[in-house]
Amino acid sequence: MDTVRFGKFIREMRKEQGLTQKQLAELLYVSDKAVSKWENGACFPDIKVLDALAEHLGVSILELMQSERIREPVIDRREAELVVKDTITRSEEAERDRRQMGKARILFFASACGIVYLVWAGVRHLMGQSPGTLLSERAVLSLPWYGDPVVFYIWAGILSVLCMAGAFVILWKSDRISEVKIGRHRVKSVLTILMDMLVVLLLHTYLSNIANNEDQLLKLPEAIPVNAYITTLDGTRQAGIFIEDQIVQGIMDSEYVQDVNLNVRLKAGFDEVIPGEWEHLNLFLAGANRLEAAVRNLENADVVWNVGEDSSILQGTEAKCVVSKELFEKNGWKLGDQITLCQYYYYLKDPKSTELYADPLETTVYEIAGYADLKARWSLNNNQVTPDILVPFSLIREAYQRHDIPFYADSVSFSLANTLELNAFKQEMKELGLQNMNPLSRESTLNGVALTVNDASFIDSANHLRQVIYAVRAFFPFLLVLIVCVGYLVTLLLLNSRKKEAALLRSIGLGRWRCFRIFFMEQLLLVVSGVVLGSVCSVILQGNYGADSALSGCLVCVFYMLGNSLAIWKILKVSVMEALFQT
C-alpha cells in the first residue's frame, strides 16, 4: 500500500464522518500525533487498530486497505488475502524499524555522553585540575579496573566509538542513511579525512606540549632539589650555633621537610673529669642523627662496623658510638668494647655574646659500634674541629631533658619533600619563629634564628615553566575557534561544487532538514574516520598522553563538525532555481 494514498483516504473519510484528529484518536485510544502521522503518510497504523479504524471511518476493512471506496462487487478472496498479508508485512516492518531506531538513538546517546565526558575531563585537565579528581577517592577504590586515569579515558573513548559505529550500522541496514554515497566523491572524501588527520595531529601536539611542561614541572623537585639550613641572622655561621629545641622539633614534625640532618656538639673526656682540670676534657663529641650530619661526605661504607651494626644506631637512643680511627688504634680498642665518657655541654651566659662556657651534662658508658677515618672525610667549615666520637642525637637530647637543661642544636639542615609547596613551607617556618637571613644585620651572635633556602634556581625554572603553561593554555579558546573556522572553510570549499546536488534533492520534495541530515551524516562518517586515523598516528608518532590523546580527537570531532554544519547549512540556503540553472 502507498502510505501517502492511505493517509489521504483516512483524512477524507474522517472529514466525512465529521471527526477531528483528536476525536478519532480518542476513539482509537491513540494520540492525535499518531493520527496526524497516518494522514501525512509518515507511517501505517498498527494492525490491531485497523478494525476499529475502519468501523469509525464507516468503511470496510478492504476499502481501508485499498484506500478507496469499493463501488463494484467485492474483490475475490485471494486478492483480499494478498492485501491483508501485505498490510501485516508492512506493519511488522514498521514495528521492526521503530525498534531499530530506538536502539540507534540509545547508542547515539551513549556515544554523545562519552564524548561530552571526555571533552569535560580534558577541559578540566587543561584548566589545571588533576584528572584524578574527576572521580572521588572512594569511587576510585571501588573500581579495581580504574587504576590509572589514562585507562579510564581510553576505555571511554573506545566505547564511544563503538556505540557510534553500532548506531551507523543500524541506520545503514534500515536504509535511513542509504542516500549517503561517499564513493561518488572519492577525492573530496580523502581530502576531508586528510584534513581531519592534520588537525588532530596539530591539536595533539598542542596538548602534548602542555602535558610535557606539566610533567617537567612535577619532576622539577627531583631535577633541582632545594636544600635549607639554619644560620645566624647575618648568615655567617651555620654550624657551631645555638638553635632552640622548639625549632628543632618543628622542623622534625614538618610534612614539607625530609632528610633532616641534626647535630649537637659536646666536650668530653674519659671517665670522670674534675672541673678545672680542662686538660682532660680533650675530646670533641658530635651527637648526630645521621653520619653526614656529623661529618660531611661520610657514608655507611666508610665505617668499619661491628657485626650487626650500621648507621641506624645514630637514629636511636642506645648508648652506642662511632669513634675515629686514630683514637681507636691509639687506645687499642676493639669493636664492642665499652668506654666511659664524661660529657660537658656548651652554653651562652649572654645570648648577645659569642663567648662559650661548658658545664657537666652526664657521664655515659658507650659501646663501640664502629670506627672510621673521620679526619679524611672532614671538610673544614666555620673553624669547626673534627669530632672524635659520634653518638646518637636523640640520646644527647634526652640527657638535656633529664637534667632540665635547655637544649640547643649545633646545626640543622634538610631538604624539601615537595618543592612545589615552597610557599606553604616558608609560611610554616615563619610561624616557628625563623627569620629571613639579613647579611646587613649588625647583630653578631651565635643564635640560630634565620632560615636560608637555596631555591633561586628552582624558582626561576618553575616560574618559567608556569609562564609557558599559562601562555599556551590562554591560546586554547582561540584554537577551538580556529578548528571551527577550518571545518567551515574546508567544507565550504569541498562542497561548493555540490550545490546542484543539494538543489536536486530539494526539488524532488526533500526538506532542508532532510537534505542537511544527508550531507551531515556523510561528513560525520568522514570526520570520525579522519579523527580515528589521526589519533592513531598521533599516538604512534608523539606518544600516548592519556587524557590529552583522547581529548584531541574528541575536540576535533565536536568543533570541526560545528564548522562543518555551518558550511552545510549555508550551502542549503541557496535558492533551488538559482542552483539548478547556474552555469
Protein backbone atom coordinates (compact mmCIF):
# COMPACT_ATOMS: atom_id res chain seq x y z
CA MET A 1 0.00 0.00 0.00
CA ASP A 2 1.04 3.58 -0.62
CA THR A 3 1.36 5.46 2.67
CA VAL A 4 0.53 8.82 1.07
CA ARG A 5 -2.60 7.43 -0.61
CA PHE A 6 -3.56 5.61 2.59
CA GLY A 7 -3.21 8.80 4.63
CA LYS A 8 -5.22 10.85 2.15
CA PHE A 9 -8.03 8.28 2.23
CA ILE A 10 -8.13 8.33 6.05
CA ARG A 11 -8.32 12.14 6.05
CA GLU A 12 -11.22 12.18 3.58
CA MET A 13 -13.18 9.52 5.47
CA ARG A 14 -12.58 11.26 8.80
CA LYS A 15 -13.94 14.53 7.46
CA GLU A 16 -16.98 12.74 6.00
CA GLN A 17 -17.70 11.40 9.48
CA GLY A 18 -17.29 14.91 10.92
CA LEU A 19 -14.45 13.88 13.22
CA THR A 20 -11.33 15.82 14.18
CA GLN A 21 -7.95 14.14 14.55
CA LYS A 22 -8.23 14.41 18.31
CA GLN A 23 -11.73 12.87 18.37
CA LEU A 24 -10.64 9.98 16.16
CA ALA A 25 -7.57 9.45 18.33
CA GLU A 26 -9.74 9.26 21.45
CA LEU A 27 -11.99 6.67 19.80
CA LEU A 28 -8.94 4.54 18.89
CA TYR A 29 -7.14 5.14 22.21
CA VAL A 30 -4.08 6.59 20.48
CA SER A 31 -2.53 10.07 20.38
CA ASP A 32 -3.61 12.73 17.90
CA LYS A 33 0.04 12.85 16.73
CA ALA A 34 -0.26 9.22 15.63
CA VAL A 35 -3.36 10.08 13.56
CA SER A 36 -1.51 13.04 12.07
CA LYS A 37 1.40 10.78 11.04
CA TRP A 38 -1.01 8.34 9.35
CA GLU A 39 -2.67 11.11 7.38
CA ASN A 40 0.66 12.65 6.36
CA GLY A 41 1.87 9.32 5.02
CA ALA A 42 4.69 9.04 7.58
CA CYS A 43 3.70 5.55 8.73
CA PHE A 44 0.95 2.92 8.86
CA PRO A 45 -1.25 2.31 11.90
CA ASP A 46 -0.75 -0.81 13.95
CA ILE A 47 -2.67 -3.79 12.54
CA LYS A 48 -4.52 -4.12 15.86
CA VAL A 49 -6.39 -0.84 15.31
CA LEU A 50 -7.38 -1.46 11.65
CA ASP A 51 -10.76 -2.98 12.52
CA ALA A 52 -11.68 -0.14 14.89
CA LEU A 53 -10.33 2.47 12.43
CA ALA A 54 -12.45 1.07 9.58
CA GLU A 55 -15.50 0.97 11.82
CA HIS A 56 -15.18 4.60 12.98
CA LEU A 57 -14.48 5.83 9.44
CA GLY A 58 -17.53 3.99 8.11
CA VAL A 59 -15.65 1.83 5.61
CA SER A 60 -14.88 -1.85 5.28
CA ILE A 61 -11.51 -3.32 6.13
CA LEU A 62 -10.88 -3.99 2.42
CA GLU A 63 -11.74 -0.41 1.48
CA LEU A 64 -9.35 0.80 4.15
CA MET A 65 -6.59 -1.48 2.83
CA GLN A 66 -7.16 -0.43 -0.79
CA SER A 67 -7.50 3.21 0.27
CA GLU A 68 -10.62 3.73 -1.87
CA ARG A 69 -14.36 3.16 -1.88
CA ILE A 70 -15.44 -0.09 -3.50
CA ARG A 71 -18.26 0.67 -5.95
CA GLU A 72 -18.10 -2.65 -7.76
CA PRO A 73 -18.66 -6.13 -6.37
CA VAL A 74 -16.34 -7.16 -3.61
CA ILE A 75 -12.93 -8.43 -4.69
CA ASP A 76 -12.29 -12.12 -4.61
CA ARG A 77 -10.95 -13.92 -1.58
CA ARG A 78 -7.41 -14.44 -2.94
CA GLU A 79 -6.92 -10.77 -3.64
CA ALA A 80 -8.21 -9.87 -0.19
CA GLU A 81 -5.78 -12.31 1.40
CA LEU A 82 -2.90 -10.71 -0.51
CA VAL A 83 -3.93 -7.25 0.64
CA VAL A 84 -4.21 -8.39 4.25
CA LYS A 85 -0.84 -10.16 4.04
CA ASP A 86 0.78 -7.05 2.56
CA THR A 87 -0.69 -4.89 5.31
CA ILE A 88 0.52 -7.23 8.03
CA THR A 89 4.01 -7.34 6.50
CA ARG A 90 4.24 -3.56 6.31
CA SER A 91 3.03 -3.22 9.87
CA GLU A 92 5.67 -5.67 11.10
CA GLU A 93 8.34 -3.85 9.12
CA ALA A 94 7.25 -0.54 10.60
CA GLU A 95 7.39 -2.01 14.13
CA ARG A 96 10.82 -3.52 13.49
CA ASP A 97 12.00 -0.20 12.08
CA ARG A 98 10.81 1.60 15.22
CA ARG A 99 12.71 -0.85 17.43
CA GLN A 100 15.88 -0.43 15.36
CA MET A 101 15.62 3.35 15.54
CA GLY A 102 15.20 3.10 19.31
CA LYS A 103 18.43 1.11 19.55
CA ALA A 104 20.21 3.63 17.29
CA ARG A 105 19.06 6.53 19.49
CA ILE A 106 20.31 4.78 22.63
CA LEU A 107 23.72 4.12 21.03
CA PHE A 108 23.98 7.71 19.78
CA PHE A 109 23.08 8.98 23.24
CA ALA A 110 25.72 6.75 24.89
CA SER A 111 28.33 7.90 22.38
CA ALA A 112 27.41 11.54 22.94
CA CYS A 113 27.68 11.10 26.72
CA GLY A 114 31.15 9.56 26.30
CA ILE A 115 32.32 12.37 24.03
CA VAL A 116 30.91 15.07 26.34
CA TYR A 117 32.61 13.41 29.32
CA LEU A 118 35.98 13.22 27.58
CA VAL A 119 35.77 16.86 26.49
CA TRP A 120 34.74 17.92 30.00
CA ALA A 121 37.54 15.87 31.59
CA GLY A 122 40.12 17.26 29.19
CA VAL A 123 39.00 20.87 29.65
CA ARG A 124 39.20 20.47 33.43
CA HIS A 125 42.66 19.00 32.99
CA LEU A 126 43.70 21.96 30.82
CA MET A 127 42.31 24.40 33.38
CA GLY A 128 44.71 22.96 35.96
CA GLN A 129 42.59 20.40 37.78
CA SER A 130 44.02 16.94 38.11
CA PRO A 131 42.20 14.22 36.12
CA GLY A 132 42.28 12.09 39.24
CA THR A 133 39.75 14.46 40.85
CA LEU A 134 37.11 13.58 38.26
CA LEU A 135 36.14 10.63 40.43
CA SER A 136 36.17 10.68 44.18
CA GLU A 137 38.80 8.70 46.02
CA ARG A 138 36.15 6.30 47.29
CA ALA A 139 34.89 5.72 43.75
CA VAL A 140 38.41 5.04 42.52
CA LEU A 141 39.00 2.49 45.24
CA SER A 142 35.76 0.73 44.36
CA LEU A 143 36.79 0.30 40.72
CA PRO A 144 39.73 -2.16 40.55
CA TRP A 145 39.96 -1.76 36.76
CA TYR A 146 40.34 2.02 37.06
CA GLY A 147 43.86 2.15 38.47
CA ASP A 148 45.19 4.83 36.17
CA PRO A 149 43.03 7.67 34.73
CA VAL A 150 44.64 7.00 31.34
CA VAL A 151 42.99 3.56 31.22
CA PHE A 152 39.62 5.09 32.05
CA TYR A 153 39.90 7.69 29.26
CA ILE A 154 40.95 5.07 26.72
CA TRP A 155 38.01 2.84 27.63
CA ALA A 156 35.59 5.77 27.47
CA GLY A 157 36.90 6.70 24.02
CA ILE A 158 36.72 3.13 22.71
CA LEU A 159 33.15 2.64 23.98
CA SER A 160 32.07 5.97 22.46
CA VAL A 161 33.47 4.99 19.05
CA LEU A 162 31.89 1.51 19.23
CA CYS A 163 28.48 2.95 20.18
CA MET A 164 28.61 5.42 17.29
CA ALA A 165 29.73 2.69 14.86
CA GLY A 166 26.88 0.45 16.02
CA ALA A 167 24.34 3.24 15.51
CA PHE A 168 25.63 3.86 11.97
CA VAL A 169 25.37 0.14 11.14
CA ILE A 170 21.75 0.07 12.33
CA LEU A 171 20.85 3.18 10.30
CA TRP A 172 22.59 1.79 7.23
CA LYS A 173 20.75 -1.54 7.39
CA SER A 174 17.43 0.21 7.90
CA ASP A 175 18.05 2.41 4.81
CA ARG A 176 17.83 5.54 6.95
CA ILE A 177 21.14 6.81 5.55
CA SER A 178 21.09 4.95 2.25
CA GLU A 179 21.28 8.32 0.49
CA VAL A 180 24.87 8.74 1.74
CA LYS A 181 27.14 7.90 -1.18
CA ILE A 182 30.69 8.71 -0.16
CA GLY A 183 32.11 6.71 -3.05
CA ARG A 184 30.77 9.19 -5.59
CA HIS A 185 33.16 11.86 -4.29
CA ARG A 186 36.33 9.93 -3.51
CA VAL A 187 38.76 12.83 -3.91
CA LYS A 188 36.75 15.16 -1.68
CA SER A 189 36.28 12.39 0.88
CA VAL A 190 40.01 11.65 1.00
CA LEU A 191 40.80 15.37 1.35
CA THR A 192 38.34 15.68 4.24
CA ILE A 193 39.90 12.70 6.03
CA LEU A 194 43.43 14.04 5.50
CA MET A 195 42.45 17.48 6.78
CA ASP A 196 40.93 15.94 9.93
CA MET A 197 44.07 13.89 10.48
CA LEU A 198 46.21 17.02 10.17
CA VAL A 199 44.04 18.97 12.62
CA VAL A 200 44.17 16.09 15.14
CA LEU A 201 47.97 15.94 14.82
CA LEU A 202 48.27 19.69 15.41
CA LEU A 203 45.92 19.65 18.39
CA HIS A 204 47.64 16.59 19.85
CA THR A 205 50.97 18.41 19.52
CA TYR A 206 49.49 21.42 21.30
CA LEU A 207 48.04 19.34 24.15
CA SER A 208 51.14 17.15 24.46
CA ASN A 209 53.22 20.32 24.76
CA ILE A 210 51.13 21.33 27.78
CA ALA A 211 51.43 17.80 29.20
CA ASN A 212 55.21 17.80 28.72
CA ASN A 213 55.60 21.14 30.50
CA GLU A 214 53.38 19.99 33.36
CA ASP A 215 55.38 16.78 33.60
CA GLN A 216 58.61 18.78 33.73
CA LEU A 217 57.13 20.94 36.47
CA LEU A 218 56.19 17.86 38.51
CA LYS A 219 59.68 16.37 38.04
CA LEU A 220 61.43 19.66 38.79
CA PRO A 221 61.87 18.85 42.51
CA GLU A 222 63.93 15.80 41.54
CA ALA A 223 65.94 17.69 38.93
CA ILE A 224 66.59 20.74 41.13
CA PRO A 225 66.42 19.74 44.83
CA VAL A 226 66.05 22.60 47.29
CA ASN A 227 68.13 22.49 50.45
CA ALA A 228 67.76 24.65 53.53
CA TYR A 229 69.65 25.21 56.75
CA ILE A 230 69.54 27.31 59.90
CA THR A 231 72.06 30.15 60.23
CA THR A 232 72.74 33.16 62.36
CA LEU A 233 70.84 36.29 61.39
CA ASP A 234 73.71 37.67 59.31
CA GLY A 235 74.20 34.28 57.62
CA THR A 236 77.88 34.00 58.52
CA ARG A 237 77.58 30.75 60.51
CA GLN A 238 75.51 27.60 60.00
CA ALA A 239 77.33 25.34 62.46
CA GLY A 240 78.53 25.93 65.99
CA ILE A 241 75.41 27.98 66.69
CA PHE A 242 72.51 27.70 69.15
CA ILE A 243 69.18 26.56 67.68
CA GLU A 244 66.25 26.34 70.09
CA ASP A 245 64.63 22.97 70.73
CA GLN A 246 61.16 24.16 69.60
CA ILE A 247 62.61 24.99 66.18
CA VAL A 248 64.30 21.59 66.00
CA GLN A 249 61.05 19.83 66.91
CA GLY A 250 59.04 21.93 64.44
CA ILE A 251 61.36 21.01 61.59
CA MET A 252 61.28 17.32 62.53
CA ASP A 253 57.45 17.37 62.56
CA SER A 254 57.02 19.32 59.32
CA GLU A 255 55.44 17.44 56.40
CA TYR A 256 57.35 19.67 53.98
CA VAL A 257 60.76 18.52 55.22
CA GLN A 258 62.84 15.41 54.52
CA ASP A 259 66.41 14.18 55.06
CA VAL A 260 66.90 16.27 58.21
CA ASN A 261 70.49 16.50 59.45
CA LEU A 262 70.68 17.29 63.19
CA ASN A 263 73.87 17.84 65.16
CA VAL A 264 74.81 18.89 68.67
CA ARG A 265 78.45 19.29 69.77
CA LEU A 266 79.84 18.48 73.22
CA LYS A 267 83.19 18.39 75.00
CA ALA A 268 84.13 15.08 76.62
CA GLY A 269 86.84 13.26 78.49
CA PHE A 270 87.44 9.69 79.58
CA ASP A 271 85.96 8.53 82.85
CA GLU A 272 85.45 11.36 85.36
CA VAL A 273 86.69 14.92 84.65
CA ILE A 274 87.09 17.20 87.62
CA PRO A 275 86.04 20.83 86.88
CA GLY A 276 89.16 22.90 86.47
CA GLU A 277 91.23 20.05 85.04
CA TRP A 278 90.29 21.04 81.49
CA GLU A 279 93.33 19.30 80.00
CA HIS A 280 91.47 16.01 80.50
CA LEU A 281 88.45 17.36 78.63
CA ASN A 282 90.21 16.77 75.31
CA LEU A 283 87.59 15.01 73.16
CA PHE A 284 85.05 16.54 70.79
CA LEU A 285 81.73 14.70 70.77
CA ALA A 286 79.10 15.05 68.00
CA GLY A 287 75.52 13.97 68.66
CA ALA A 288 74.06 13.35 65.19
CA ASN A 289 71.04 11.60 63.71
CA ARG A 290 72.92 10.68 60.51
CA LEU A 291 76.56 10.16 59.57
CA GLU A 292 76.56 13.06 57.10
CA ALA A 293 75.06 15.34 59.77
CA ALA A 294 78.25 14.99 61.82
CA VAL A 295 80.86 14.58 59.07
CA ARG A 296 80.06 15.74 55.58
CA ASN A 297 80.54 13.09 52.86
CA LEU A 298 80.79 10.29 55.42
CA GLU A 299 78.84 7.25 54.26
CA ASN A 300 77.89 3.93 55.79
CA ALA A 301 80.51 2.12 53.68
CA ASP A 302 83.29 4.33 55.12
CA VAL A 303 82.75 2.92 58.62
CA VAL A 304 84.08 -0.39 59.86
CA TRP A 305 81.07 -1.71 61.73
CA ASN A 306 80.73 -4.33 64.42
CA VAL A 307 78.69 -7.36 63.37
CA GLY A 308 75.02 -6.46 63.01
CA GLU A 309 75.56 -2.70 63.33
CA ASP A 310 75.09 0.12 60.83
CA SER A 311 74.39 3.85 60.70
CA SER A 312 70.87 3.35 62.10
CA ILE A 313 72.38 3.44 65.63
CA LEU A 314 72.51 7.24 65.33
CA GLN A 315 68.72 7.38 64.91
CA GLY A 316 68.03 5.53 68.13
CA THR A 317 68.71 6.15 71.81
CA GLU A 318 71.05 3.27 72.62
CA ALA A 319 74.41 4.17 74.11
CA LYS A 320 76.48 3.22 71.08
CA CYS A 321 79.11 5.26 69.28
CA VAL A 322 81.42 5.55 66.27
CA VAL A 323 84.99 6.58 67.13
CA SER A 324 87.74 7.98 64.97
CA LYS A 325 90.23 5.53 63.51
CA GLU A 326 93.11 7.43 65.14
CA LEU A 327 91.55 7.18 68.60
CA PHE A 328 90.56 3.54 68.01
CA GLU A 329 94.11 2.48 67.13
CA LYS A 330 95.81 4.70 69.72
CA ASN A 331 93.88 3.14 72.62
CA GLY A 332 93.94 -0.39 71.22
CA TRP A 333 90.17 -0.71 71.34
CA LYS A 334 88.15 -3.49 69.75
CA LEU A 335 84.69 -3.35 68.26
CA GLY A 336 82.15 -3.98 71.00
CA ASP A 337 84.35 -2.53 73.76
CA GLN A 338 82.79 -0.11 76.20
CA ILE A 339 84.15 3.33 77.04
CA THR A 340 83.10 5.78 79.73
CA LEU A 341 82.77 9.42 78.64
CA CYS A 342 82.27 12.42 80.87
CA GLN A 343 80.23 14.89 78.75
CA TYR A 344 80.10 18.66 79.02
CA TYR A 345 77.66 20.88 77.15
CA TYR A 346 78.22 24.35 75.73
CA TYR A 347 76.06 27.31 76.67
CA LEU A 348 75.96 31.12 76.49
CA LYS A 349 75.67 33.23 79.60
CA ASP A 350 74.66 36.19 77.48
CA PRO A 351 72.54 35.45 74.35
CA LYS A 352 74.03 38.52 72.68
CA SER A 353 77.58 37.37 73.30
CA THR A 354 79.72 34.83 71.42
CA GLU A 355 81.68 33.66 74.49
CA LEU A 356 81.13 29.95 75.21
CA TYR A 357 81.01 28.21 78.55
CA ALA A 358 80.89 24.50 79.44
CA ASP A 359 79.23 22.64 82.29
CA PRO A 360 78.91 18.91 83.07
CA LEU A 361 75.98 17.12 81.42
CA GLU A 362 76.36 13.48 82.49
CA THR A 363 78.71 10.53 82.33
CA THR A 364 77.67 7.75 79.92
CA VAL A 365 79.07 4.32 79.10
CA TYR A 366 79.13 3.77 75.31
CA GLU A 367 79.62 0.61 73.28
CA ILE A 368 81.94 0.98 70.27
CA ALA A 369 79.76 0.05 67.25
CA GLY A 370 82.28 1.11 64.61
CA TYR A 371 85.22 3.30 63.66
CA ALA A 372 86.12 5.46 60.65
CA ASP A 373 88.81 7.84 59.42
CA LEU A 374 86.85 10.97 60.31
CA LYS A 375 89.66 13.38 59.50
CA ALA A 376 89.95 12.10 55.94
CA ARG A 377 86.24 12.85 55.38
CA TRP A 378 86.12 16.10 57.29
CA SER A 379 85.99 19.41 55.43
CA LEU A 380 86.74 22.48 57.49
CA ASN A 381 83.72 24.71 57.99
CA ASN A 382 83.47 27.81 60.16
CA ASN A 383 86.58 26.85 62.08
CA GLN A 384 84.95 23.69 63.43
CA VAL A 385 87.25 20.89 64.52
CA THR A 386 86.93 17.26 63.55
CA PRO A 387 84.76 15.27 66.01
CA ASP A 388 86.47 12.38 67.76
CA ILE A 389 83.33 10.40 68.58
CA LEU A 390 79.83 10.23 67.06
CA VAL A 391 76.86 9.39 69.30
CA PRO A 392 73.05 9.34 68.75
CA PHE A 393 71.45 12.79 68.62
CA SER A 394 68.28 11.70 70.48
CA LEU A 395 70.36 10.21 73.32
CA ILE A 396 72.06 13.56 73.99
CA ARG A 397 68.75 15.43 73.64
CA GLU A 398 67.14 13.17 76.25
CA ALA A 399 70.07 13.80 78.58
CA TYR A 400 69.41 17.56 78.41
CA GLN A 401 65.74 16.93 79.23
CA ARG A 402 66.53 14.63 82.16
CA HIS A 403 68.65 17.34 83.79
CA ASP A 404 66.24 20.19 82.90
CA ILE A 405 68.86 21.87 80.75
CA PRO A 406 67.61 23.96 77.81
CA PHE A 407 68.53 22.10 74.66
CA TYR A 408 70.14 23.79 71.65
CA ALA A 409 71.17 22.08 68.42
CA ASP A 410 74.53 22.96 66.91
CA SER A 411 73.40 22.76 63.25
CA VAL A 412 70.25 21.84 61.34
CA SER A 413 70.00 21.25 57.60
CA PHE A 414 67.44 19.47 55.44
CA SER A 415 65.84 19.29 52.01
CA LEU A 416 62.27 19.97 50.94
CA ALA A 417 59.97 16.98 50.43
CA ASN A 418 57.98 18.79 47.72
CA THR A 419 59.45 22.00 46.40
CA LEU A 420 56.18 22.79 44.61
CA GLU A 421 54.84 23.60 48.10
CA LEU A 422 57.66 26.05 48.78
CA ASN A 423 55.38 28.92 49.86
CA ALA A 424 53.50 26.76 52.37
CA PHE A 425 56.84 25.55 53.77
CA LYS A 426 58.15 29.10 54.22
CA GLN A 427 54.95 30.15 55.96
CA GLU A 428 55.29 27.23 58.39
CA MET A 429 58.93 28.13 59.12
CA LYS A 430 57.90 31.73 59.71
CA GLU A 431 55.36 30.55 62.28
CA LEU A 432 58.17 28.64 64.03
CA GLY A 433 59.93 31.96 64.56
CA LEU A 434 62.61 31.70 61.88
CA GLN A 435 63.54 34.89 60.04
CA ASN A 436 64.98 35.62 56.63
CA MET A 437 68.75 35.90 56.54
CA ASN A 438 69.94 39.52 56.55
CA PRO A 439 73.60 39.97 55.51
CA LEU A 440 73.43 43.62 56.57
CA SER A 441 72.48 42.76 60.14
CA ARG A 442 74.78 44.16 62.80
CA GLU A 443 73.74 41.51 65.28
CA SER A 444 76.81 39.33 65.80
CA THR A 445 75.58 36.44 67.94
CA LEU A 446 75.51 32.65 67.80
CA ASN A 447 71.72 32.40 67.86
CA GLY A 448 70.34 30.25 65.03
CA VAL A 449 67.28 32.29 64.12
CA ALA A 450 67.49 32.63 60.33
CA LEU A 451 66.48 30.26 57.55
CA THR A 452 68.47 30.06 54.35
CA VAL A 453 66.80 28.29 51.41
CA ASN A 454 68.75 27.58 48.22
CA ASP A 455 65.72 27.96 45.98
CA ALA A 456 66.78 30.57 43.40
CA SER A 457 67.40 28.11 40.57
CA PHE A 458 64.24 26.16 41.32
CA ILE A 459 62.05 29.29 41.46
CA ASP A 460 63.44 30.59 38.16
CA SER A 461 62.82 27.26 36.43
CA ALA A 462 59.37 26.78 37.98
CA ASN A 463 58.26 30.32 37.09
CA HIS A 464 59.46 29.83 33.52
CA LEU A 465 57.53 26.56 33.14
CA ARG A 466 54.40 28.05 34.72
CA GLN A 467 54.53 31.05 32.37
CA VAL A 468 54.84 28.72 29.39
CA ILE A 469 51.90 26.59 30.59
CA TYR A 470 49.68 29.63 31.26
CA ALA A 471 50.57 31.19 27.91
CA VAL A 472 49.80 28.01 25.98
CA ARG A 473 46.57 27.45 27.89
CA ALA A 474 45.45 31.02 27.21
CA PHE A 475 45.57 30.24 23.49
CA PHE A 476 43.25 27.24 23.90
CA PRO A 477 39.89 29.06 23.27
CA PHE A 478 41.32 30.66 20.11
CA LEU A 479 42.47 27.23 18.96
CA LEU A 480 38.95 25.87 19.28
CA VAL A 481 37.61 28.81 17.27
CA LEU A 482 40.30 28.11 14.69
CA ILE A 483 39.15 24.47 14.39
CA VAL A 484 35.58 25.68 13.80
CA CYS A 485 36.83 28.06 11.10
CA VAL A 486 38.90 25.34 9.43
CA GLY A 487 35.91 22.98 9.42
CA TYR A 488 33.72 25.72 7.95
CA LEU A 489 36.12 26.82 5.20
CA VAL A 490 37.26 23.32 4.17
CA THR A 491 33.68 22.03 3.99
CA LEU A 492 32.54 25.11 2.11
CA LEU A 493 35.28 24.71 -0.49
CA LEU A 494 34.81 20.95 -0.93
CA LEU A 495 31.01 21.00 -1.03
CA ASN A 496 30.59 24.19 -3.04
CA SER A 497 30.52 22.18 -6.28
CA ARG A 498 27.67 20.06 -4.90
CA LYS A 499 25.13 22.85 -4.76
CA LYS A 500 23.28 21.37 -7.74
CA GLU A 501 23.09 18.02 -5.97
CA ALA A 502 21.54 19.72 -2.95
CA ALA A 503 19.16 21.65 -5.20
CA LEU A 504 18.05 18.44 -6.96
CA LEU A 505 17.30 16.81 -3.62
CA ARG A 506 15.26 19.86 -2.65
CA SER A 507 13.44 19.86 -6.00
CA ILE A 508 12.18 16.27 -5.60
CA GLY A 509 10.47 17.16 -2.35
CA LEU A 510 13.11 16.63 0.36
CA GLY A 511 13.01 19.30 3.01
CA ARG A 512 16.02 21.35 4.04
CA TRP A 513 16.45 19.39 7.28
CA ARG A 514 16.35 16.08 5.38
CA CYS A 515 18.99 17.34 2.95
CA PHE A 516 21.05 18.65 5.85
CA ARG A 517 20.90 15.24 7.51
CA ILE A 518 22.12 13.52 4.34
CA PHE A 519 25.15 15.80 3.96
CA PHE A 520 25.79 15.88 7.72
CA MET A 521 25.84 12.08 8.07
CA GLU A 522 28.19 11.80 5.10
CA GLN A 523 30.59 14.37 6.59
CA LEU A 524 30.30 12.85 10.07
CA LEU A 525 31.43 9.46 8.75
CA LEU A 526 34.44 11.11 7.07
CA VAL A 527 35.34 13.24 10.11
CA VAL A 528 35.12 10.29 12.53
CA SER A 529 37.32 8.24 10.19
CA GLY A 530 39.85 11.07 9.95
CA VAL A 531 39.82 11.64 13.73
CA VAL A 532 40.38 7.94 14.49
CA LEU A 533 43.22 7.67 11.97
CA GLY A 534 44.71 10.96 13.16
CA SER A 535 44.57 9.87 16.80
CA VAL A 536 46.30 6.58 15.97
CA CYS A 537 49.02 8.42 14.05
CA SER A 538 49.43 10.93 16.90
CA VAL A 539 49.90 8.20 19.49
CA ILE A 540 52.39 6.37 17.23
CA LEU A 541 54.39 9.47 16.31
CA GLN A 542 54.19 11.52 19.52
CA GLY A 543 53.31 9.06 22.24
CA ASN A 544 50.20 8.44 24.31
CA TYR A 545 49.35 11.27 26.70
CA GLY A 546 46.22 9.68 28.13
CA ALA A 547 43.58 12.36 28.57
CA ASP A 548 45.31 14.61 26.03
CA SER A 549 45.25 11.94 23.30
CA ALA A 550 41.57 11.21 23.90
CA LEU A 551 40.72 14.90 24.24
CA SER A 552 42.40 15.94 20.99
CA GLY A 553 40.27 13.52 18.95
CA CYS A 554 37.02 14.46 20.70
CA LEU A 555 37.61 18.19 20.40
CA VAL A 556 38.40 17.97 16.69
CA CYS A 557 35.30 15.86 16.10
CA VAL A 558 32.99 18.23 18.01
CA PHE A 559 34.32 21.61 16.88
CA TYR A 560 35.19 20.57 13.32
CA MET A 561 31.65 19.24 12.88
CA LEU A 562 30.32 22.52 14.27
CA GLY A 563 32.08 24.44 11.49
CA ASN A 564 31.08 21.69 9.07
CA SER A 565 27.41 22.08 9.99
CA LEU A 566 27.53 25.84 9.47
CA ALA A 567 29.00 25.34 6.00
CA ILE A 568 26.38 22.72 5.03
CA TRP A 569 23.56 24.97 6.21
CA LYS A 570 24.96 27.87 4.18
CA ILE A 571 25.07 25.70 1.05
CA LEU A 572 21.47 24.57 1.56
CA LYS A 573 20.27 28.17 1.90
CA VAL A 574 20.99 28.75 -1.82
CA SER A 575 17.86 29.13 -3.96
CA VAL A 576 16.89 25.87 -5.70
CA MET A 577 16.22 27.56 -9.06
CA GLU A 578 19.44 29.56 -8.86
CA ALA A 579 21.48 26.43 -8.14
CA LEU A 580 19.84 24.39 -10.90
CA PHE A 581 20.31 26.96 -13.65
CA GLN A 582 23.74 28.22 -12.51
CA THR A 583 26.37 27.76 -15.23
